[in-house]
Amino acid sequence: MALDVHPRAAMQILRHSQISVTMNIYSEVPSEETRKALKKLGDRLDS
C-alpha cells in the first residue's frame, strides 16, 4: 500500500487467491527504515 499499488494488482502479482490474504499481509504502513530499504531495492532493480 505504501508503494501506491492497487490491492487487486498486488493480489495478481503475488498470486493470492483471495484479496483478504493480500490485505492482511500487506496493508500495514511500513516503518521509515522499511521505506528506505524498499527504495534502495527499487533503485537497484531499475538499473
C-alpha atoms as a PDB file:
ATOM      1  CA  MET A   1       0.000   0.000   0.000  1.00  0.00           C
ATOM      2  CA  ALA A   2       2.874   2.368   0.754  1.00  0.00           C
ATOM      3  CA  LEU A   3       4.064   1.953  -2.839  1.00  0.00           C
ATOM      4  CA  ASP A   4       0.654   3.133  -4.116  1.00  0.00           C
ATOM      5  CA  VAL A   5      -0.073  -0.175  -5.844  1.00  0.00           C
ATOM      6  CA  HIS A   6      -3.743  -1.051  -6.212  1.00  0.00           C
ATOM      7  CA  PRO A   7      -4.551  -4.010  -3.919  1.00  0.00           C
ATOM      8  CA  ARG A   8      -6.014  -6.056  -6.789  1.00  0.00           C
ATOM      9  CA  ALA A   9      -2.834  -5.572  -8.832  1.00  0.00           C
ATOM     10  CA  ALA A  10      -0.737  -6.700  -5.863  1.00  0.00           C
ATOM     11  CA  MET A  11      -3.038  -9.690  -5.434  1.00  0.00           C
ATOM     12  CA  GLN A  12      -2.478 -10.763  -9.031  1.00  0.00           C
ATOM     13  CA  ILE A  13       1.286 -10.213  -8.896  1.00  0.00           C
ATOM     14  CA  LEU A  14       1.605 -12.146  -5.647  1.00  0.00           C
ATOM     15  CA  ARG A  15      -0.755 -14.854  -6.921  1.00  0.00           C
ATOM     16  CA  HIS A  16      -3.061 -14.720  -3.904  1.00  0.00           C
ATOM     17  CA  SER A  17      -6.424 -16.353  -4.477  1.00  0.00           C
ATOM     18  CA  GLN A  18      -8.220 -14.003  -2.067  1.00  0.00           C
ATOM     19  CA  ILE A  19      -7.906 -10.241  -1.609  1.00  0.00           C
ATOM     20  CA  SER A  20      -8.173 -10.731   2.159  1.00  0.00           C
ATOM     21  CA  VAL A  21      -4.811 -12.516   2.167  1.00  0.00           C
ATOM     22  CA  THR A  22      -3.145  -9.621   0.357  1.00  0.00           C
ATOM     23  CA  MET A  23      -4.757  -7.024   2.590  1.00  0.00           C
ATOM     24  CA  ASN A  24      -3.940  -8.864   5.826  1.00  0.00           C
ATOM     25  CA  ILE A  25      -0.281  -9.193   4.904  1.00  0.00           C
ATOM     26  CA  TYR A  26       0.485  -6.001   3.003  1.00  0.00           C
ATOM     27  CA  SER A  27      -1.841  -3.302   4.318  1.00  0.00           C
ATOM     28  CA  GLU A  28       0.310  -2.170   7.242  1.00  0.00           C
ATOM     29  CA  VAL A  29       2.144   1.114   6.866  1.00  0.00           C
ATOM     30  CA  PRO A  30       5.859   0.306   6.870  1.00  0.00           C
ATOM     31  CA  SER A  31       8.385   1.985   9.099  1.00  0.00           C
ATOM     32  CA  GLU A  32      10.778   4.604   7.726  1.00  0.00           C
ATOM     33  CA  GLU A  33      13.591   2.037   7.636  1.00  0.00           C
ATOM     34  CA  THR A  34      11.437  -0.323   5.576  1.00  0.00           C
ATOM     35  CA  ARG A  35      10.629   2.504   3.152  1.00  0.00           C
ATOM     36  CA  LYS A  36      14.334   3.282   2.760  1.00  0.00           C
ATOM     37  CA  ALA A  37      15.163  -0.373   2.116  1.00  0.00           C
ATOM     38  CA  LEU A  38      12.395  -0.698  -0.469  1.00  0.00           C
ATOM     39  CA  LYS A  39      13.598   2.461  -2.229  1.00  0.00           C
ATOM     40  CA  LYS A  40      17.130   1.069  -2.422  1.00  0.00           C
ATOM     41  CA  LEU A  41      15.837  -2.232  -3.764  1.00  0.00           C
ATOM     42  CA  GLY A  42      13.661  -0.491  -6.329  1.00  0.00           C
ATOM     43  CA  ASP A  43      16.542   1.725  -7.456  1.00  0.00           C
ATOM     44  CA  ARG A  44      18.751  -1.339  -7.875  1.00  0.00           C
ATOM     45  CA  LEU A  45      16.115  -3.222  -9.856  1.00  0.00           C
ATOM     46  CA  ASP A  46      15.605  -0.239 -12.171  1.00  0.00           C
ATOM     47  CA  SER A  47      19.279  -0.116 -13.164  1.00  0.00           C
END
